[in-house]
N, C-alpha and C. Protein backbone atom coordinates (compact mmCIF):
# COMPACT_ATOMS: atom_id res chain seq x y z
N MET A 1 0.57 -0.95 0.15
CA MET A 1 0.17 -0.02 -0.02
C MET A 1 0.54 1.18 -0.39
N ILE A 2 1.00 1.82 -0.91
CA ILE A 2 1.46 3.39 -0.82
C ILE A 2 0.89 4.55 -0.74
N HIS A 3 0.64 5.50 0.18
CA HIS A 3 -0.60 6.41 0.65
C HIS A 3 0.30 7.75 0.41
N ALA A 4 -0.71 8.49 -0.52
CA ALA A 4 -0.06 9.61 -0.89
C ALA A 4 1.58 10.28 -1.70
N PRO A 5 1.95 9.58 -2.32
CA PRO A 5 3.49 9.08 -3.39
C PRO A 5 3.94 10.59 -3.35
N VAL A 6 5.01 10.74 -3.17
CA VAL A 6 5.89 11.66 -4.08
C VAL A 6 6.45 10.75 -5.39
N TYR A 7 5.74 10.69 -6.07
CA TYR A 7 6.40 10.05 -6.95
C TYR A 7 7.50 10.80 -8.24
N ASN A 8 6.91 11.81 -8.77
CA ASN A 8 8.29 12.71 -8.80
C ASN A 8 8.73 13.72 -8.17
N PHE A 9 9.54 13.78 -8.13
CA PHE A 9 10.09 15.25 -7.44
C PHE A 9 10.44 16.41 -8.21
N TYR A 10 10.72 16.26 -9.74
CA TYR A 10 10.51 17.47 -10.76
C TYR A 10 8.78 17.99 -10.68
N SER A 11 8.08 17.64 -10.79
CA SER A 11 6.45 18.18 -10.75
C SER A 11 6.40 18.41 -9.46
N GLN A 12 6.64 17.91 -8.40
CA GLN A 12 6.02 17.91 -6.92
C GLN A 12 7.08 19.60 -7.05
N MET A 13 8.26 20.04 -7.17
CA MET A 13 8.56 21.28 -6.87
C MET A 13 8.10 21.99 -7.96
N ALA A 14 7.58 22.08 -8.91
CA ALA A 14 6.41 22.48 -9.16
C ALA A 14 4.93 23.28 -8.98
N SER A 15 5.07 22.21 -7.84
CA SER A 15 3.63 22.57 -7.30
C SER A 15 3.87 23.57 -6.35
N ASP A 16 2.20 24.36 -5.58
CA ASP A 16 3.09 24.97 -4.34
C ASP A 16 3.50 24.39 -3.07
N PHE A 17 3.02 23.10 -3.26
CA PHE A 17 3.87 22.74 -1.71
C PHE A 17 5.47 22.02 -2.37
N ALA A 18 6.36 22.56 -2.21
CA ALA A 18 7.76 21.79 -2.80
C ALA A 18 8.67 21.69 -1.43
N VAL A 19 8.49 21.15 -0.95
CA VAL A 19 8.97 20.45 0.44
C VAL A 19 10.43 20.46 0.74
N HIS A 20 10.34 19.44 -0.96
CA HIS A 20 11.67 18.97 -0.95
C HIS A 20 13.03 20.60 -1.28
N SER A 21 12.30 21.15 -1.57
CA SER A 21 13.32 22.31 -1.47
C SER A 21 14.40 22.36 -0.19
N THR A 22 13.47 22.54 1.14
CA THR A 22 14.32 22.61 2.20
C THR A 22 14.62 21.69 2.45
N ARG A 23 14.65 20.64 2.20
CA ARG A 23 15.83 18.88 2.14
C ARG A 23 16.27 19.01 1.25
N PHE A 24 16.67 18.95 -0.27
CA PHE A 24 17.62 19.11 -0.73
C PHE A 24 17.97 20.33 -1.56
N GLY A 25 17.98 21.31 -1.16
CA GLY A 25 18.07 22.74 -1.57
C GLY A 25 17.20 22.64 -3.25
N ASN A 26 17.65 24.26 -3.16
CA ASN A 26 16.79 24.13 -4.80
C ASN A 26 17.11 23.35 -6.24
N TYR A 27 16.15 22.93 -6.70
CA TYR A 27 16.59 22.11 -8.40
C TYR A 27 18.04 22.77 -8.74
N TRP A 28 18.13 23.72 -9.03
CA TRP A 28 18.24 24.75 -9.86
C TRP A 28 19.60 24.80 -9.74
N GLU A 29 19.84 24.46 -8.16
CA GLU A 29 20.87 24.79 -7.69
C GLU A 29 21.56 23.14 -7.49
N ASP A 30 21.13 22.12 -7.89
CA ASP A 30 21.42 21.27 -7.67
C ASP A 30 20.70 19.70 -8.30
N PRO A 31 20.66 20.16 -9.80
CA PRO A 31 19.58 19.30 -9.96
C PRO A 31 20.13 17.46 -10.41
N SER A 32 21.06 17.28 -10.06
CA SER A 32 21.78 15.78 -9.85
C SER A 32 21.06 15.24 -8.83
N ILE A 33 20.23 15.81 -8.01
CA ILE A 33 20.45 15.30 -6.51
C ILE A 33 18.66 15.12 -6.21
N TYR A 34 18.34 15.71 -7.71
CA TYR A 34 16.34 15.04 -7.61
C TYR A 34 16.35 13.90 -8.82
N ARG A 35 17.05 13.51 -9.73
CA ARG A 35 17.22 12.67 -10.79
C ARG A 35 18.04 11.72 -9.24
N GLU A 36 18.53 11.96 -8.52
CA GLU A 36 18.72 10.63 -8.07
C GLU A 36 18.00 9.93 -6.67
N LEU A 37 17.17 10.84 -6.56
CA LEU A 37 16.08 10.41 -5.18
C LEU A 37 14.73 10.15 -5.85
N SER A 38 14.59 10.78 -7.16
CA SER A 38 13.27 10.53 -7.36
C SER A 38 12.48 9.09 -7.79
N PRO A 39 12.12 8.47 -7.40
CA PRO A 39 11.65 7.47 -7.77
C PRO A 39 10.61 6.89 -8.99
N HIS A 40 10.36 8.03 -9.75
CA HIS A 40 9.67 8.32 -11.02
C HIS A 40 10.93 7.17 -11.99
N TYR A 41 12.43 7.83 -11.72
CA TYR A 41 13.76 7.51 -12.69
C TYR A 41 13.68 5.66 -12.33
N TYR A 42 13.47 5.20 -11.62
CA TYR A 42 13.40 3.94 -11.45
C TYR A 42 12.13 3.06 -11.34
N ALA A 43 10.61 3.35 -11.98
CA ALA A 43 9.70 3.16 -11.81
C ALA A 43 10.33 1.26 -12.87
N GLU A 44 10.77 1.66 -13.55
CA GLU A 44 10.81 0.30 -14.13
C GLU A 44 11.40 -1.13 -13.14
N ASN A 45 12.36 -0.48 -12.10
CA ASN A 45 12.50 -2.01 -11.10
C ASN A 45 11.27 -1.95 -10.17
N PHE A 46 10.00 -1.48 -10.28
CA PHE A 46 8.96 -2.33 -9.48
C PHE A 46 7.89 -2.81 -9.82
N LYS A 47 8.31 -4.16 -8.92
CA LYS A 47 7.57 -5.16 -8.96
C LYS A 47 6.74 -5.70 -8.19
N THR A 48 6.42 -5.28 -7.03
CA THR A 48 5.45 -5.56 -5.89
C THR A 48 4.23 -5.18 -6.46
N PRO A 49 3.06 -5.76 -6.02
CA PRO A 49 1.80 -5.06 -6.74
C PRO A 49 1.50 -3.87 -5.82
N ALA A 50 0.66 -2.98 -5.94
CA ALA A 50 0.63 -1.51 -5.09
C ALA A 50 -0.73 -1.07 -5.27
N LEU A 51 -1.41 -1.00 -3.76
CA LEU A 51 -2.19 -0.09 -4.14
C LEU A 51 -2.04 1.38 -3.05
N ILE A 52 -2.62 2.51 -4.45
CA ILE A 52 -2.60 3.33 -4.15
C ILE A 52 -4.06 4.15 -3.59
N ILE A 53 -3.30 5.02 -2.27
CA ILE A 53 -4.63 5.44 -1.80
C ILE A 53 -3.96 7.03 -1.62
N HIS A 54 -4.43 8.00 -2.06
CA HIS A 54 -4.53 9.59 -2.07
C HIS A 54 -5.57 10.11 -1.61
N GLY A 55 -5.72 10.88 -1.10
CA GLY A 55 -6.85 11.58 -0.86
C GLY A 55 -7.13 12.58 -2.02
N GLN A 56 -8.25 12.99 -2.02
CA GLN A 56 -8.27 14.71 -3.10
C GLN A 56 -8.00 15.73 -3.30
N LEU A 57 -8.00 16.20 -1.25
CA LEU A 57 -7.80 17.50 -0.27
C LEU A 57 -6.76 17.30 -0.27
N ASP A 58 -5.20 16.55 -0.47
CA ASP A 58 -4.03 16.55 -0.13
C ASP A 58 -3.94 17.95 -0.36
N TYR A 59 -3.38 18.84 0.58
CA TYR A 59 -2.76 21.03 0.40
C TYR A 59 -1.48 19.83 -0.02
N ARG A 60 -0.97 18.71 0.47
CA ARG A 60 0.75 19.11 0.61
C ARG A 60 1.16 17.77 -0.57
N VAL A 61 1.09 17.08 -1.16
CA VAL A 61 1.25 16.62 -2.12
C VAL A 61 -0.01 16.60 -3.60
N PRO A 62 0.38 16.91 -4.33
CA PRO A 62 -1.11 17.03 -5.23
C PRO A 62 -1.49 15.80 -5.95
N VAL A 63 -2.55 15.43 -6.17
CA VAL A 63 -2.96 14.03 -6.32
C VAL A 63 -2.40 13.70 -7.49
N GLY A 64 -2.35 14.47 -8.23
CA GLY A 64 -1.47 14.71 -9.39
C GLY A 64 -0.48 13.15 -8.84
N GLN A 65 0.24 12.81 -8.05
CA GLN A 65 1.23 12.16 -8.40
C GLN A 65 1.17 10.74 -8.08
N ALA A 66 -0.36 11.10 -7.89
CA ALA A 66 -1.02 9.11 -7.70
C ALA A 66 -1.32 9.01 -8.56
N PHE A 67 -1.43 9.65 -9.76
CA PHE A 67 -1.37 9.56 -10.81
C PHE A 67 -0.60 9.05 -11.74
N GLU A 68 0.38 9.98 -11.58
CA GLU A 68 1.32 9.93 -12.36
C GLU A 68 2.55 8.05 -12.16
N LEU A 69 1.94 7.77 -10.54
CA LEU A 69 2.50 6.73 -10.66
C LEU A 69 1.68 5.49 -10.89
N PHE A 70 -0.26 5.50 -11.07
CA PHE A 70 -0.78 4.90 -11.94
C PHE A 70 -0.40 4.22 -12.97
N ARG A 71 -0.62 5.75 -13.75
CA ARG A 71 -0.05 5.47 -14.71
C ARG A 71 1.22 4.71 -15.44
N THR A 72 2.02 4.69 -14.10
CA THR A 72 3.46 4.40 -14.84
C THR A 72 3.40 2.38 -14.73
N LEU A 73 2.49 2.41 -13.56
CA LEU A 73 2.61 0.73 -13.28
C LEU A 73 1.55 0.39 -13.97
């Protein structure tokens, strides 16, 4: 089960709640960190079946993150 996943750090940074900039610095300062840590670059390695749960009213992680993961799986 995956609850409210941040699947793509790049699209998360483009949202209103870019929490990762406080943890990893701004994308434009060192984009390699975002590439290394963003799960969407490793999606081809996902083998375990997953149930994705995400609330429409989540203000921290846009529901689009869950849809991106769903489309990839």
